[in-house]
Amino acid sequence: MDIKALTIKDVQTGIKAGEFTAGELRQEFLNLIEKENPELNAYLSVNDKPEIDSAGPLTGVQLAIKDNICIKGEITTAGSKILANHRAVYDATVISKLRSAGANFLGKTNLDEFAMGSSTENSAFGVTKNPLDHERVPGGSSGGSAAAVAAGLAVAALGSDTGGSIRQPAAFCGVVGIKPTYGRVSRHGLIAMASSLDQIGTLTKNVYDSALLLNYLCGQDTMDSTTAIETVPDFTADLDKSIKGLRVGVAKEFFDDGLDPAVAEKTKQAIAKLEELGAKIVEVSLPHSRYALATYYLIMPSEVSSNLARFDGMRYGLSERAGADLLAIYQDSRGKGFGAEVRRRIILGTYALSSGYYDAYYLRAQKVRTLIIQDFEKAFADCDVLVGPTTPTPAFKIGEKADPLAMYLADVYTVPVNLAGLPALSVPCGLVRDEGTRVSSTRELQNQATSACATPEAASYAEVATKAESARRASGRPVGLHIIGAKFDEATILRVAHQYEQATK
């Protein structure tokens, strides 16, 4: 049994057939994490305590949880020194729902501090490495969750997405990542970054698993007043339905300057495949999307400034009490507890909200946000889904983007979706090599890595790991196809992604 390749359906089938028990599977994953995580740093903490197996549709499904989602009694750091020893005192709603369905939690995964970043390099607890190339980032901020799934150290994972933090690492690591509609999934128990943008979602090995997990995550929650009163369908029901006649919109703005030519080529090939499957390709325009990044980096830090004011060194988390007065305690605790990127965004947000600048910056950004929402509404009058590249480039090297602005540009295609509150996902659509040679699918990558691991001369685990990584690097870097839907229409983007996945695997 190759536990690294197990999907949720595989686990359900295996347990039902008596091939393994939930406890046996859990121990296998824990052994694997102990062996491989020291190199990857995907997990910040591992729950190696025996879990009570509860009967349910997700019994035995071993999940990784991003470390800004609360699990009662577990250390929950949000990737920050200021919460290094903080233990959550309650379960997030999504954790309660998954536990009720029988799922188990392997541990908490690494992230950019307070989910602020696009590479997981901003974590106070070290960078996570991309399982496909250890010299490159896994993306962020849900880089630990994406890496855990891509490396086979979990069956699936939860992440959070404020400006692309699920979809971008999914693209970089070659897995499926979905951000549901804002309000579709409860944020209760998610450590807030930007409350009008944050949304919990999943990272999985295939589209079916994403659809299945959403069945258990979605729904109104009295603990989160922003959750919508919307019927939750069975997201797996229409996955096998043809997309013939479906209108697929392609915004010309998705292919502007700044898009890596190799990524553009793979994206266009994926769009051609959708047309081959019977979809009708429609050109649309999102004219205000060019202002989305600037808008996002005014609204998001403004909300960060407000949300992170609670970390004052008095109520919980790091507290530096050597100061002479209350102000000194605040300054010392926050100065030592927050990293550089978090401090930068707090300062930006506080400035944008300050007297005399509110109208010029924050209020104007909210007006542009409305224009972006209206652009999407007009586009969806002519199409059923929108498609384009998830990211402008494949995964970049660790330390390559020292300039904050260059890092922010990694989310240029994903932030408009958060500003509009729409559902979107990233599905793998091929691999690119640095020298320009192309390979067609992530399955080739997996097969080459497996072959490398199987060679008789690989006498030690270290040699096996080295050979596997060499095979991965030789194959290329994953590219993600970004599929965007109308509000509360996750079912359609999942169907399009599933049909594409089945046609190209």
Protein backbone atom coordinates (compact mmCIF):
# COMPACT_ATOMS: atom_id res chain seq x y z
CA MET A 1 0.00 0.00 0.00
CA ASP A 2 1.40 3.38 -1.06
CA ILE A 3 -0.06 5.60 1.64
CA LYS A 4 1.41 8.71 0.02
CA ALA A 5 -0.96 8.36 -2.92
CA LEU A 6 -4.09 7.62 -0.87
CA THR A 7 -7.13 9.76 -1.62
CA ILE A 8 -10.21 10.09 0.56
CA LYS A 9 -12.06 7.59 -1.63
CA ASP A 10 -9.12 5.16 -1.30
CA VAL A 11 -9.28 5.44 2.49
CA GLN A 12 -13.03 4.88 2.54
CA THR A 13 -12.71 1.85 0.26
CA GLY A 14 -9.75 0.38 2.17
CA ILE A 15 -11.39 0.65 5.58
CA LYS A 16 -14.65 -0.79 4.28
CA ALA A 17 -12.79 -3.73 2.71
CA GLY A 18 -10.81 -4.36 5.90
CA GLU A 19 -7.44 -3.66 4.25
CA PHE A 20 -6.45 -1.46 7.19
CA THR A 21 -7.95 0.22 10.23
CA ALA A 22 -8.07 3.93 10.93
CA GLY A 23 -5.52 3.46 13.72
CA GLU A 24 -3.10 1.53 11.51
CA LEU A 25 -3.33 4.15 8.79
CA ARG A 26 -2.77 6.95 11.27
CA GLN A 27 0.37 5.30 12.62
CA GLU A 28 1.75 4.85 9.11
CA PHE A 29 1.31 8.56 8.44
CA LEU A 30 2.89 9.50 11.77
CA ASN A 31 5.90 7.31 10.94
CA LEU A 32 6.20 8.97 7.55
CA ILE A 33 5.96 12.47 9.04
CA GLU A 34 8.64 11.64 11.61
CA LYS A 35 10.93 10.52 8.81
CA GLU A 36 10.35 13.25 6.21
CA ASN A 37 9.10 16.37 7.98
CA PRO A 38 12.48 17.42 9.45
CA GLU A 39 13.63 18.13 5.90
CA LEU A 40 10.37 19.60 4.54
CA ASN A 41 9.15 21.51 7.62
CA ALA A 42 5.56 21.14 6.45
CA TYR A 43 4.28 20.46 9.99
CA LEU A 44 4.92 22.76 12.94
CA SER A 45 3.42 20.30 15.42
CA VAL A 46 2.27 16.71 15.19
CA ASN A 47 -0.62 15.19 17.12
CA ASP A 48 0.82 11.78 17.96
CA LYS A 49 -1.69 11.14 20.72
CA PRO A 50 -4.14 8.30 20.01
CA GLU A 51 -7.40 9.67 18.62
CA ILE A 52 -10.78 8.17 19.38
CA ASP A 53 -12.07 6.75 16.11
CA SER A 54 -15.64 7.85 15.59
CA ALA A 55 -17.81 6.24 12.96
CA GLY A 56 -18.65 8.48 10.06
CA PRO A 57 -18.21 9.00 6.32
CA LEU A 58 -14.67 10.35 6.85
CA THR A 59 -13.53 7.70 9.34
CA GLY A 60 -9.79 7.17 9.01
CA VAL A 61 -9.20 10.19 6.76
CA GLN A 62 -5.98 11.75 8.05
CA LEU A 63 -5.93 15.52 7.62
CA ALA A 64 -3.33 18.26 8.05
CA ILE A 65 -4.60 21.56 9.47
CA LYS A 66 -3.12 25.00 8.82
CA ASP A 67 -1.84 26.44 12.08
CA ASN A 68 -4.19 29.41 12.12
CA ILE A 69 -7.22 27.13 12.62
CA CYS A 70 -7.99 26.31 16.24
CA ILE A 71 -8.04 22.76 17.59
CA LYS A 72 -8.91 22.65 21.28
CA GLY A 73 -5.91 21.89 23.47
CA GLU A 74 -3.42 22.10 20.60
CA ILE A 75 -0.71 24.74 20.14
CA THR A 76 -1.98 27.25 17.57
CA THR A 77 0.73 29.71 16.57
CA ALA A 78 -0.42 31.31 13.29
CA GLY A 79 3.27 31.03 12.42
CA SER A 80 4.14 33.83 14.87
CA LYS A 81 6.41 34.13 17.90
CA ILE A 82 3.72 36.13 19.65
CA LEU A 83 1.58 32.96 19.81
CA ALA A 84 4.42 30.45 20.15
CA ASN A 85 2.95 28.83 23.28
CA HIS A 86 -0.74 29.56 22.75
CA ARG A 87 -3.11 26.61 23.18
CA ALA A 88 -6.52 26.94 21.58
CA VAL A 89 -9.38 26.75 24.08
CA TYR A 90 -12.03 25.69 21.56
CA ASP A 91 -12.44 23.93 18.22
CA ALA A 92 -13.00 25.91 15.06
CA THR A 93 -16.38 25.13 13.51
CA VAL A 94 -14.72 23.34 10.58
CA ILE A 95 -12.81 21.13 13.03
CA SER A 96 -16.00 20.23 14.89
CA LYS A 97 -17.72 19.36 11.61
CA LEU A 98 -14.87 17.20 10.34
CA ARG A 99 -14.48 15.45 13.69
CA SER A 100 -18.21 14.66 13.70
CA ALA A 101 -17.76 13.10 10.26
CA GLY A 102 -15.00 10.85 11.63
CA ALA A 103 -11.87 12.59 10.33
CA ASN A 104 -8.56 12.54 12.22
CA PHE A 105 -6.04 15.38 12.51
CA LEU A 106 -2.35 14.61 12.08
CA GLY A 107 -1.02 18.01 13.10
CA LYS A 108 -0.72 21.71 12.38
CA THR A 109 1.05 22.96 9.26
CA ASN A 110 3.44 25.82 8.66
CA LEU A 111 2.35 29.15 7.20
CA ASP A 112 3.49 32.69 6.62
CA GLU A 113 3.04 34.59 9.89
CA PHE A 114 -0.66 35.35 10.41
CA ALA A 115 -1.13 34.15 6.80
CA MET A 116 0.75 37.18 5.44
CA GLY A 117 2.88 36.02 2.55
CA SER A 118 3.12 34.05 -0.66
CA SER A 119 6.01 31.68 0.04
CA THR A 120 5.86 30.48 3.69
CA GLU A 121 9.23 32.21 4.12
CA ASN A 122 7.64 34.64 6.61
CA SER A 123 7.00 31.95 9.21
CA ALA A 124 8.69 32.52 12.56
CA PHE A 125 9.47 28.79 12.59
CA GLY A 126 11.43 28.37 9.37
CA VAL A 127 10.63 28.03 5.69
CA THR A 128 8.77 25.05 4.25
CA LYS A 129 10.36 23.44 1.20
CA ASN A 130 8.49 22.52 -1.94
CA PRO A 131 8.32 18.69 -2.02
CA LEU A 132 8.91 18.73 -5.79
CA ASP A 133 12.12 20.78 -5.50
CA HIS A 134 13.61 21.53 -2.10
CA GLU A 135 15.32 24.66 -3.40
CA ARG A 136 11.95 26.26 -4.14
CA VAL A 137 9.08 27.61 -2.09
CA PRO A 138 5.77 25.75 -1.76
CA GLY A 139 3.84 29.01 -2.07
CA GLY A 140 1.89 30.66 0.69
CA SER A 141 0.49 31.35 2.98
CA SER A 142 -0.87 27.77 3.17
CA GLY A 143 2.49 26.39 2.07
CA GLY A 144 2.73 23.81 4.84
CA SER A 145 -0.67 22.34 3.98
CA ALA A 146 0.10 22.22 0.26
CA ALA A 147 3.50 20.65 0.90
CA ALA A 148 2.03 18.03 3.25
CA VAL A 149 -0.50 16.93 0.62
CA ALA A 150 1.96 17.02 -2.28
CA ALA A 151 4.52 15.03 -0.28
CA GLY A 152 1.92 12.45 0.73
CA LEU A 153 2.21 13.32 4.43
CA ALA A 154 -1.57 13.71 4.69
CA VAL A 155 -4.59 12.54 2.74
CA ALA A 156 -5.81 16.14 2.45
CA ALA A 157 -5.47 19.44 4.29
CA LEU A 158 -7.25 22.60 5.35
CA GLY A 159 -5.91 26.04 4.51
CA SER A 160 -7.13 29.61 4.49
CA ASP A 161 -7.27 31.98 1.54
CA THR A 162 -7.25 35.78 1.92
CA GLY A 163 -5.71 36.75 -1.41
CA GLY A 164 -4.74 33.42 -2.97
CA SER A 165 -3.24 31.56 -0.02
CA ILE A 166 -4.80 28.21 -0.95
CA ARG A 167 -4.77 28.44 -4.74
CA GLN A 168 -1.23 29.77 -5.20
CA PRO A 169 0.50 27.04 -3.11
CA ALA A 170 -1.78 24.45 -4.76
CA ALA A 171 -0.44 25.61 -8.13
CA PHE A 172 3.18 25.61 -6.94
CA CYS A 173 2.92 22.11 -5.43
CA GLY A 174 0.77 20.47 -8.12
CA VAL A 175 -2.33 19.77 -6.01
CA VAL A 176 -5.95 20.93 -6.07
CA GLY A 177 -6.88 23.91 -3.90
CA ILE A 178 -10.29 25.54 -3.57
CA LYS A 179 -11.42 28.79 -1.97
CA PRO A 180 -15.20 28.66 -1.50
CA THR A 181 -17.51 31.67 -1.79
CA TYR A 182 -17.11 34.15 1.07
CA GLY A 183 -19.67 33.10 3.67
CA ARG A 184 -19.98 29.51 2.43
CA VAL A 185 -17.70 28.12 5.19
CA SER A 186 -17.61 29.35 8.79
CA ARG A 187 -14.57 31.36 9.86
CA HIS A 188 -15.26 30.75 13.57
CA GLY A 189 -11.97 29.52 15.02
CA LEU A 190 -9.83 30.90 12.20
CA ILE A 191 -7.32 33.44 13.52
CA ALA A 192 -8.37 36.55 11.63
CA MET A 193 -6.15 38.35 9.18
CA ALA A 194 -8.58 40.39 7.04
CA SER A 195 -12.14 39.56 8.00
CA SER A 196 -13.85 40.61 4.76
CA LEU A 197 -11.45 38.50 2.70
CA ASP A 198 -10.53 35.40 4.75
CA GLN A 199 -12.04 32.04 3.80
CA ILE A 200 -11.24 28.46 4.82
CA GLY A 201 -10.83 25.90 2.04
CA THR A 202 -9.13 22.62 1.16
CA LEU A 203 -6.02 21.22 -0.50
CA THR A 204 -6.39 17.74 -1.95
CA LYS A 205 -4.87 15.25 -4.37
CA ASN A 206 -7.80 15.37 -6.77
CA VAL A 207 -10.97 17.32 -7.47
CA TYR A 208 -13.33 14.65 -6.12
CA ASP A 209 -11.75 14.93 -2.66
CA SER A 210 -12.19 18.71 -2.72
CA ALA A 211 -15.87 18.33 -3.56
CA LEU A 212 -16.37 15.67 -0.89
CA LEU A 213 -14.74 17.69 1.89
CA LEU A 214 -16.81 20.74 1.01
CA ASN A 215 -19.93 18.69 1.71
CA TYR A 216 -18.89 18.57 5.37
CA LEU A 217 -17.41 22.07 5.71
CA CYS A 218 -20.13 24.29 4.28
CA GLY A 219 -23.23 25.68 5.92
CA GLN A 220 -24.53 28.46 8.11
CA ASP A 221 -22.98 28.83 11.56
CA THR A 222 -24.48 30.82 14.42
CA MET A 223 -20.92 31.53 15.61
CA ASP A 224 -20.12 33.40 12.38
CA SER A 225 -22.64 36.03 11.34
CA THR A 226 -21.08 36.29 7.86
CA THR A 227 -22.02 32.73 6.92
CA ALA A 228 -24.73 32.64 4.29
CA ILE A 229 -28.17 31.08 4.52
CA GLU A 230 -27.65 28.96 1.42
CA THR A 231 -28.56 25.36 0.72
CA VAL A 232 -25.48 23.16 0.62
CA PRO A 233 -25.70 20.78 -2.35
CA ASP A 234 -23.85 17.50 -2.76
CA PHE A 235 -20.80 18.89 -4.54
CA THR A 236 -19.88 15.43 -5.87
CA ALA A 237 -23.25 14.84 -7.56
CA ASP A 238 -22.54 16.48 -10.94
CA LEU A 239 -18.80 15.93 -11.26
CA ASP A 240 -19.26 13.38 -14.05
CA LYS A 241 -21.71 15.56 -15.96
CA SER A 242 -20.43 16.73 -19.35
CA ILE A 243 -19.36 20.36 -19.80
CA LYS A 244 -20.57 20.40 -23.38
CA GLY A 245 -22.16 23.77 -24.10
CA LEU A 246 -20.82 25.36 -20.92
CA ARG A 247 -19.64 28.93 -21.49
CA VAL A 248 -16.02 29.36 -20.38
CA GLY A 249 -14.90 32.97 -20.15
CA VAL A 250 -11.30 34.01 -20.74
CA ALA A 251 -10.44 37.54 -19.63
CA LYS A 252 -7.83 39.22 -21.82
CA GLU A 253 -6.39 40.83 -18.67
CA PHE A 254 -5.25 37.36 -17.51
CA PHE A 255 -2.65 37.30 -20.30
CA ASP A 256 -1.07 40.74 -19.89
CA ASP A 257 2.64 41.49 -19.55
CA GLY A 258 4.23 39.80 -16.56
CA LEU A 259 2.88 36.33 -17.27
CA ASP A 260 5.61 33.74 -17.77
CA PRO A 261 5.39 32.53 -21.42
CA ALA A 262 5.62 28.89 -20.33
CA VAL A 263 2.73 29.35 -17.88
CA ALA A 264 0.72 31.12 -20.59
CA GLU A 265 1.32 28.23 -22.98
CA LYS A 266 0.18 25.60 -20.48
CA THR A 267 -2.89 27.66 -19.59
CA LYS A 268 -3.86 28.06 -23.25
CA GLN A 269 -3.41 24.32 -23.78
CA ALA A 270 -5.77 23.69 -20.86
CA ILE A 271 -8.34 26.10 -22.31
CA ALA A 272 -8.07 24.28 -25.66
CA LYS A 273 -8.73 21.00 -23.85
CA LEU A 274 -11.90 22.46 -22.31
CA GLU A 275 -13.03 23.50 -25.78
CA GLU A 276 -12.26 19.99 -27.00
CA LEU A 277 -14.53 18.68 -24.23
CA GLY A 278 -17.40 20.74 -25.65
CA ALA A 279 -17.15 24.01 -23.73
CA LYS A 280 -17.75 27.26 -25.57
CA ILE A 281 -14.87 29.72 -25.12
CA VAL A 282 -15.99 33.33 -24.66
CA GLU A 283 -13.68 36.35 -24.46
CA VAL A 284 -14.59 38.73 -21.65
CA SER A 285 -13.00 41.72 -19.96
CA LEU A 286 -12.32 42.62 -16.34
CA PRO A 287 -11.09 46.19 -16.88
CA HIS A 288 -10.65 47.09 -13.21
CA SER A 289 -8.68 43.95 -12.34
CA ARG A 290 -5.50 45.90 -13.05
CA TYR A 291 -6.24 47.89 -9.90
CA ALA A 292 -7.01 44.83 -7.77
CA LEU A 293 -3.55 44.40 -6.25
CA ALA A 294 -3.33 48.06 -5.18
CA THR A 295 -6.87 47.89 -3.82
CA TYR A 296 -6.12 44.69 -1.92
CA TYR A 297 -2.98 46.15 -0.35
CA LEU A 298 -5.01 48.99 1.12
CA ILE A 299 -8.05 47.05 2.33
CA MET A 300 -6.20 44.01 3.65
CA PRO A 301 -3.60 45.86 5.80
CA SER A 302 -6.33 48.13 7.14
CA GLU A 303 -8.19 45.08 8.41
CA VAL A 304 -4.91 43.56 9.63
CA SER A 305 -4.24 46.71 11.66
CA SER A 306 -7.60 46.33 13.36
CA ASN A 307 -7.55 42.55 13.87
CA LEU A 308 -4.02 42.32 15.25
CA ALA A 309 -4.58 45.07 17.81
CA ARG A 310 -5.77 42.30 20.16
CA PHE A 311 -2.23 40.91 20.44
CA ASP A 312 -1.05 43.38 23.05
CA GLY A 313 0.96 41.21 25.44
CA MET A 314 -1.74 41.38 28.10
CA ARG A 315 -4.45 38.83 27.36
CA TYR A 316 -2.64 35.93 25.66
CA GLY A 317 0.53 35.15 23.78
CA LEU A 318 3.98 36.63 24.28
CA SER A 319 4.17 39.23 27.04
CA GLU A 320 7.28 41.30 27.66
CA ARG A 321 6.70 42.68 31.18
CA ALA A 322 10.07 44.37 31.70
CA GLY A 323 8.70 47.73 30.56
CA ALA A 324 8.16 50.57 33.01
CA ASP A 325 4.55 51.15 32.00
CA LEU A 326 1.66 49.72 29.99
CA LEU A 327 2.75 51.37 26.74
CA ALA A 328 6.22 49.85 27.06
CA ILE A 329 4.68 46.38 27.54
CA TYR A 330 2.62 46.87 24.38
CA GLN A 331 5.61 48.06 22.38
CA ASP A 332 8.03 45.39 23.60
CA SER A 333 5.56 42.52 23.22
CA ARG A 334 4.48 43.49 19.71
CA GLY A 335 7.97 44.51 18.61
CA LYS A 336 9.49 41.18 19.62
CA GLY A 337 6.46 39.05 18.80
CA PHE A 338 5.66 40.23 15.28
CA GLY A 339 7.89 39.62 12.26
CA ALA A 340 8.90 42.21 9.66
CA GLU A 341 6.08 41.54 7.18
CA VAL A 342 3.39 41.67 9.85
CA ARG A 343 4.77 44.95 11.21
CA ARG A 344 4.90 46.35 7.67
CA ARG A 345 1.24 45.59 7.04
CA ILE A 346 0.11 46.92 10.42
CA ILE A 347 1.91 50.20 9.69
CA LEU A 348 0.42 50.42 6.18
CA GLY A 349 -3.07 49.71 7.47
CA THR A 350 -2.85 52.11 10.38
CA TYR A 351 -1.69 54.85 8.01
CA ALA A 352 -4.50 54.16 5.52
CA LEU A 353 -7.09 54.40 8.32
CA SER A 354 -5.61 57.46 10.00
CA SER A 355 -7.36 60.80 10.18
CA GLY A 356 -6.83 62.80 7.01
CA TYR A 357 -5.96 59.77 4.88
CA TYR A 358 -9.03 57.54 5.30
CA ASP A 359 -10.94 59.07 2.37
CA ALA A 360 -7.90 59.23 0.12
CA TYR A 361 -6.88 55.60 0.61
CA TYR A 362 -9.24 53.20 2.39
CA LEU A 363 -12.53 54.70 1.18
CA ARG A 364 -11.28 54.99 -2.39
CA ALA A 365 -10.07 51.38 -2.29
CA GLN A 366 -13.54 50.24 -1.21
CA LYS A 367 -15.05 52.09 -4.17
CA VAL A 368 -12.66 50.36 -6.57
CA ARG A 369 -13.55 47.05 -4.91
CA THR A 370 -17.17 47.69 -5.90
CA LEU A 371 -16.08 48.27 -9.52
CA ILE A 372 -14.18 44.97 -9.49
CA ILE A 373 -17.29 43.18 -8.19
CA GLN A 374 -19.35 44.77 -10.97
CA ASP A 375 -16.82 43.64 -13.59
CA PHE A 376 -17.26 40.03 -12.47
CA GLU A 377 -21.06 40.37 -12.47
CA LYS A 378 -20.97 41.62 -16.07
CA ALA A 379 -18.61 38.81 -17.09
CA PHE A 380 -20.85 36.14 -15.57
CA ALA A 381 -23.77 37.45 -17.59
CA ASP A 382 -21.92 36.07 -20.63
CA CYS A 383 -20.25 32.97 -19.20
CA ASP A 384 -20.64 30.24 -16.59
CA VAL A 385 -17.03 30.13 -15.35
CA LEU A 386 -13.85 32.12 -15.90
CA VAL A 387 -10.47 30.49 -16.47
CA GLY A 388 -6.87 31.68 -16.56
CA PRO A 389 -3.50 31.06 -14.92
CA THR A 390 -3.45 30.74 -11.14
CA THR A 391 -0.03 32.38 -10.84
CA PRO A 392 2.15 34.45 -13.18
CA THR A 393 5.14 32.11 -12.69
CA PRO A 394 5.84 28.59 -11.42
CA ALA A 395 7.41 28.14 -7.96
CA PHE A 396 10.39 30.41 -7.41
CA LYS A 397 13.54 29.70 -5.41
CA ILE A 398 13.75 30.22 -1.66
CA GLY A 399 15.14 33.70 -1.04
CA GLU A 400 14.62 34.80 -4.65
CA LYS A 401 12.00 37.48 -3.95
CA ALA A 402 13.50 39.68 -1.24
CA ASP A 403 11.58 42.72 -2.50
CA PRO A 404 8.10 42.78 -0.88
CA LEU A 405 6.51 44.22 -4.03
CA ALA A 406 7.86 41.37 -6.15
CA MET A 407 6.36 38.94 -3.64
CA TYR A 408 2.99 40.71 -3.71
CA LEU A 409 2.83 40.32 -7.50
CA ALA A 410 2.71 36.52 -7.08
CA ASP A 411 -0.98 36.94 -6.17
CA VAL A 412 -1.95 39.24 -9.03
CA TYR A 413 -4.47 36.76 -10.52
CA THR A 414 -5.94 35.54 -7.25
CA VAL A 415 -6.66 38.70 -5.22
CA PRO A 416 -9.53 39.95 -7.46
CA VAL A 417 -11.49 36.83 -6.53
CA ASN A 418 -11.19 37.54 -2.79
CA LEU A 419 -12.18 41.17 -3.27
CA ALA A 420 -15.32 39.96 -5.06
CA GLY A 421 -16.01 37.11 -2.61
CA LEU A 422 -16.22 34.50 -5.38
CA PRO A 423 -15.39 30.78 -5.35
CA ALA A 424 -12.28 29.68 -7.25
CA LEU A 425 -9.94 26.73 -7.46
CA SER A 426 -6.59 25.76 -8.89
CA VAL A 427 -6.16 22.43 -10.66
CA PRO A 428 -2.82 21.20 -12.07
CA CYS A 429 -2.53 21.74 -15.83
CA GLY A 430 0.97 20.54 -16.63
CA LEU A 431 4.63 21.09 -15.87
CA VAL A 432 7.29 23.42 -17.23
CA ARG A 433 11.05 23.09 -17.20
CA ASP A 434 13.42 25.98 -16.69
CA GLU A 435 15.13 25.35 -20.01
CA GLY A 436 11.81 25.46 -21.83
CA THR A 437 11.19 21.74 -22.34
CA ARG A 438 7.65 20.76 -21.43
CA VAL A 439 6.18 17.65 -19.85
CA SER A 440 2.48 17.07 -19.92
CA SER A 441 1.22 16.05 -16.51
CA THR A 442 1.91 15.68 -12.82
CA ARG A 443 1.35 11.95 -13.25
CA GLU A 444 4.64 11.77 -15.18
CA LEU A 445 6.34 13.51 -12.28
CA GLN A 446 4.87 11.03 -9.79
CA ASN A 447 5.84 8.03 -11.92
CA GLN A 448 9.43 9.21 -12.29
CA ALA A 449 9.76 9.84 -8.56
CA THR A 450 8.30 6.40 -7.80
CA SER A 451 10.70 4.73 -10.23
CA ALA A 452 13.63 6.50 -8.61
CA CYS A 453 12.55 5.26 -5.19
CA ALA A 454 12.29 1.69 -6.45
CA THR A 455 15.87 1.32 -7.71
CA PRO A 456 17.71 -1.57 -5.99
CA GLU A 457 20.91 0.43 -5.47
CA ALA A 458 19.10 2.92 -3.24
CA ALA A 459 20.44 1.41 -0.04
CA SER A 460 19.32 4.05 2.41
CA TYR A 461 16.40 6.37 2.94
CA ALA A 462 18.62 9.39 2.25
CA GLU A 463 19.61 7.95 -1.14
CA VAL A 464 16.00 7.18 -1.99
CA ALA A 465 14.93 10.71 -1.08
CA THR A 466 17.76 12.21 -3.15
CA LYS A 467 16.86 10.12 -6.19
CA ALA A 468 13.18 10.97 -5.87
CA GLU A 469 13.90 14.68 -5.64
CA SER A 470 16.23 14.50 -8.66
CA ALA A 471 13.44 12.88 -10.66
CA ARG A 472 11.04 15.60 -9.59
CA ARG A 473 13.40 18.42 -10.52
CA ALA A 474 14.08 16.84 -13.91
CA SER A 475 10.36 16.67 -14.62
CA GLY A 476 9.55 20.32 -14.06
CA ARG A 477 7.47 22.72 -12.02
CA PRO A 478 3.67 22.51 -11.82
CA VAL A 479 1.33 25.08 -13.35
CA GLY A 480 -2.19 25.69 -12.06
CA LEU A 481 -5.34 26.41 -14.05
CA HIS A 482 -7.47 28.97 -12.20
CA ILE A 483 -11.23 28.35 -12.47
CA ILE A 484 -13.52 31.06 -11.06
CA GLY A 485 -17.25 30.73 -10.49
CA ALA A 486 -20.23 32.91 -9.72
CA LYS A 487 -21.18 33.30 -6.06
CA PHE A 488 -22.20 30.02 -4.41
CA ASP A 489 -21.59 28.08 -7.62
CA GLU A 490 -18.75 25.88 -6.39
CA ALA A 491 -20.48 22.93 -8.05
CA THR A 492 -19.80 24.23 -11.56
CA ILE A 493 -16.11 25.04 -11.07
CA LEU A 494 -15.62 21.63 -9.47
CA ARG A 495 -17.35 19.97 -12.44
CA VAL A 496 -15.17 21.82 -14.95
CA ALA A 497 -12.02 20.97 -12.98
CA HIS A 498 -13.01 17.31 -12.63
CA GLN A 499 -13.78 16.93 -16.33
CA TYR A 500 -10.45 18.53 -17.21
CA GLU A 501 -8.61 16.36 -14.67
CA GLN A 502 -10.17 13.16 -16.00
CA ALA A 503 -9.40 14.09 -19.61
CA THR A 504 -5.71 14.80 -18.91
CA LYS A 505 -4.66 12.28 -16.28
